[in-house]
């Protein structure tokens, strides 16, 4: 990303048959990332169920440049 840029990403969880686990419209699964300042960070996505994570992604790195 560049400073001031915003990108939106859709998140889809699929099972071993390639079928989506949840309807996106029902849960609104999207991530909006905005580059406020130069630098880097990372985040993880978790699929929570009954108070625990059924899935946790690897770290997703984001770098913001001028």
N, C-alpha and C. Protein backbone atom coordinates (compact mmCIF):
# COMPACT_ATOMS: atom_id res chain seq x y z
N UNK A 1 0.83 -1.18 0.00
CA UNK A 1 0.00 0.00 0.00
C UNK A 1 0.87 1.24 0.00
N UNK A 2 0.30 2.33 -0.46
CA UNK A 2 0.96 3.62 -0.32
C UNK A 2 0.21 4.42 0.74
N UNK A 3 0.88 5.42 1.32
CA UNK A 3 0.24 6.25 2.33
C UNK A 3 -1.04 6.86 1.74
N UNK A 4 -2.14 6.75 2.47
CA UNK A 4 -3.43 7.27 2.04
C UNK A 4 -4.26 6.31 1.20
N UNK A 5 -3.68 5.21 0.77
CA UNK A 5 -4.39 4.22 -0.04
C UNK A 5 -5.21 3.30 0.85
N UNK A 6 -6.39 2.91 0.37
CA UNK A 6 -7.25 1.96 1.07
C UNK A 6 -7.57 0.82 0.13
N UNK A 7 -7.49 -0.40 0.61
CA UNK A 7 -7.87 -1.58 -0.16
C UNK A 7 -8.83 -2.42 0.66
N UNK A 8 -9.81 -3.00 0.00
CA UNK A 8 -10.77 -3.89 0.66
C UNK A 8 -10.60 -5.29 0.10
N UNK A 9 -10.57 -6.26 0.99
CA UNK A 9 -10.41 -7.66 0.62
C UNK A 9 -11.58 -8.45 1.17
N UNK A 10 -12.10 -9.38 0.37
CA UNK A 10 -13.15 -10.29 0.83
C UNK A 10 -12.48 -11.51 1.45
N UNK A 11 -13.11 -12.07 2.47
CA UNK A 11 -12.59 -13.26 3.14
C UNK A 11 -13.60 -14.38 2.93
N UNK A 12 -13.12 -15.51 2.42
CA UNK A 12 -13.97 -16.68 2.18
C UNK A 12 -13.33 -17.89 2.84
N UNK A 13 -14.06 -18.57 3.67
CA UNK A 13 -13.60 -19.81 4.28
C UNK A 13 -14.27 -20.95 3.53
N UNK A 14 -13.45 -21.88 3.01
CA UNK A 14 -14.01 -23.00 2.24
C UNK A 14 -13.61 -24.31 2.90
N UNK A 15 -14.47 -25.31 2.73
CA UNK A 15 -14.18 -26.63 3.30
C UNK A 15 -13.35 -27.45 2.31
N UNK A 16 -13.08 -28.69 2.65
CA UNK A 16 -12.23 -29.55 1.81
C UNK A 16 -12.87 -29.87 0.46
N UNK A 17 -14.20 -29.66 0.33
CA UNK A 17 -14.88 -29.87 -0.95
C UNK A 17 -14.95 -28.59 -1.77
N UNK A 18 -14.37 -27.50 -1.26
CA UNK A 18 -14.40 -26.23 -1.98
C UNK A 18 -15.68 -25.44 -1.76
N UNK A 19 -16.52 -25.87 -0.83
CA UNK A 19 -17.77 -25.19 -0.52
C UNK A 19 -17.53 -24.13 0.55
N UNK A 20 -18.17 -22.97 0.40
CA UNK A 20 -18.01 -21.90 1.38
C UNK A 20 -18.71 -22.27 2.69
N UNK A 21 -18.02 -22.01 3.81
CA UNK A 21 -18.56 -22.38 5.12
C UNK A 21 -19.67 -21.45 5.58
N UNK A 22 -19.58 -20.16 5.26
CA UNK A 22 -20.57 -19.17 5.68
C UNK A 22 -20.91 -18.28 4.51
N UNK A 23 -22.12 -17.79 4.52
CA UNK A 23 -22.52 -16.83 3.49
C UNK A 23 -21.90 -15.48 3.81
N UNK A 24 -21.19 -14.89 2.86
CA UNK A 24 -20.51 -13.61 3.09
C UNK A 24 -21.49 -12.50 3.48
N UNK A 25 -22.65 -12.45 2.82
CA UNK A 25 -23.62 -11.39 3.11
C UNK A 25 -24.11 -11.47 4.56
N UNK A 26 -24.26 -12.67 5.07
CA UNK A 26 -24.75 -12.86 6.43
C UNK A 26 -23.75 -12.36 7.47
N UNK A 27 -22.47 -12.61 7.22
CA UNK A 27 -21.45 -12.29 8.21
C UNK A 27 -20.60 -11.08 7.84
N UNK A 28 -20.73 -10.56 6.61
CA UNK A 28 -19.98 -9.39 6.20
C UNK A 28 -18.48 -9.57 6.32
N UNK A 29 -17.95 -10.66 5.80
CA UNK A 29 -16.53 -10.94 5.96
C UNK A 29 -15.71 -10.16 4.94
N UNK A 30 -15.21 -9.03 5.37
CA UNK A 30 -14.32 -8.22 4.55
C UNK A 30 -13.31 -7.56 5.46
N UNK A 31 -12.17 -7.27 4.89
CA UNK A 31 -11.11 -6.58 5.63
C UNK A 31 -10.78 -5.33 4.84
N UNK A 32 -10.75 -4.20 5.51
CA UNK A 32 -10.35 -2.95 4.89
C UNK A 32 -9.03 -2.53 5.51
N UNK A 33 -8.03 -2.33 4.66
CA UNK A 33 -6.71 -1.94 5.13
C UNK A 33 -6.41 -0.55 4.57
N UNK A 34 -6.01 0.35 5.45
CA UNK A 34 -5.70 1.73 5.05
C UNK A 34 -4.26 2.04 5.46
N UNK A 35 -3.51 2.59 4.52
CA UNK A 35 -2.13 2.97 4.80
C UNK A 35 -2.06 4.36 5.41
N UNK A 36 -2.05 4.43 6.73
CA UNK A 36 -1.98 5.73 7.42
C UNK A 36 -0.56 6.28 7.48
N UNK A 37 0.41 5.44 7.74
CA UNK A 37 1.79 5.86 7.91
C UNK A 37 2.73 4.85 7.27
N UNK A 38 3.92 5.32 6.88
CA UNK A 38 4.94 4.43 6.33
C UNK A 38 5.37 3.45 7.43
N UNK A 39 5.50 2.19 7.05
CA UNK A 39 5.94 1.17 7.99
C UNK A 39 5.37 -0.18 7.61
N UNK A 40 5.50 -1.13 8.52
CA UNK A 40 4.97 -2.46 8.26
C UNK A 40 4.35 -3.03 9.52
N UNK A 41 3.44 -3.96 9.31
CA UNK A 41 2.77 -4.64 10.41
C UNK A 41 2.29 -5.99 9.89
N UNK A 42 1.70 -6.76 10.74
CA UNK A 42 1.10 -8.03 10.32
C UNK A 42 -0.14 -8.27 11.15
N UNK A 43 -1.02 -9.13 10.64
CA UNK A 43 -2.23 -9.51 11.36
C UNK A 43 -2.57 -10.94 11.00
N UNK A 44 -3.47 -11.52 11.78
CA UNK A 44 -3.96 -12.87 11.51
C UNK A 44 -5.48 -12.84 11.47
N UNK A 45 -6.03 -13.77 10.71
CA UNK A 45 -7.49 -13.93 10.61
C UNK A 45 -7.85 -15.19 11.39
N UNK A 46 -8.89 -15.07 12.22
CA UNK A 46 -9.37 -16.23 12.97
C UNK A 46 -10.85 -16.46 12.67
N UNK A 47 -11.23 -17.73 12.56
CA UNK A 47 -12.62 -18.12 12.44
C UNK A 47 -13.02 -18.65 13.82
N UNK A 48 -13.80 -17.84 14.54
CA UNK A 48 -14.17 -18.17 15.92
C UNK A 48 -15.47 -18.98 15.96
N UNK A 49 -15.53 -19.93 16.90
CA UNK A 49 -16.72 -20.75 17.09
C UNK A 49 -16.77 -21.20 18.55
N UNK A 50 -17.87 -20.90 19.22
CA UNK A 50 -18.06 -21.29 20.62
C UNK A 50 -16.88 -20.88 21.53
N UNK A 51 -16.37 -19.66 21.32
CA UNK A 51 -15.34 -19.13 22.19
C UNK A 51 -13.92 -19.56 21.89
N UNK A 52 -13.71 -20.30 20.79
CA UNK A 52 -12.34 -20.69 20.43
C UNK A 52 -12.18 -20.56 18.91
N UNK A 53 -10.93 -20.54 18.49
CA UNK A 53 -10.63 -20.41 17.07
C UNK A 53 -10.61 -21.78 16.40
N UNK A 54 -11.49 -21.96 15.41
CA UNK A 54 -11.45 -23.18 14.60
C UNK A 54 -10.37 -23.09 13.53
N UNK A 55 -9.98 -21.86 13.20
CA UNK A 55 -8.95 -21.63 12.19
C UNK A 55 -8.21 -20.34 12.52
N UNK A 56 -6.91 -20.35 12.40
CA UNK A 56 -6.08 -19.15 12.53
C UNK A 56 -5.11 -19.13 11.36
N UNK A 57 -5.11 -18.03 10.61
CA UNK A 57 -4.22 -17.92 9.45
C UNK A 57 -2.78 -17.74 9.89
N UNK A 58 -1.89 -17.93 8.97
CA UNK A 58 -0.51 -17.53 9.17
C UNK A 58 -0.49 -16.00 9.24
N UNK A 59 0.57 -15.39 9.75
CA UNK A 59 0.63 -13.94 9.76
C UNK A 59 0.58 -13.37 8.34
N UNK A 60 -0.20 -12.33 8.15
CA UNK A 60 -0.33 -11.64 6.87
C UNK A 60 0.39 -10.30 7.02
N UNK A 61 1.44 -10.12 6.25
CA UNK A 61 2.27 -8.92 6.35
C UNK A 61 1.74 -7.80 5.47
N UNK A 62 1.78 -6.58 5.97
CA UNK A 62 1.36 -5.40 5.23
C UNK A 62 2.48 -4.37 5.34
N UNK A 63 2.90 -3.82 4.21
CA UNK A 63 3.91 -2.78 4.18
C UNK A 63 3.31 -1.54 3.53
N UNK A 64 3.52 -0.38 4.15
CA UNK A 64 3.03 0.89 3.63
C UNK A 64 4.25 1.72 3.23
N UNK A 65 4.26 2.21 1.99
CA UNK A 65 5.36 3.02 1.49
C UNK A 65 4.84 4.39 1.09
N UNK A 66 5.77 5.34 0.87
CA UNK A 66 5.36 6.68 0.46
C UNK A 66 4.79 6.68 -0.94
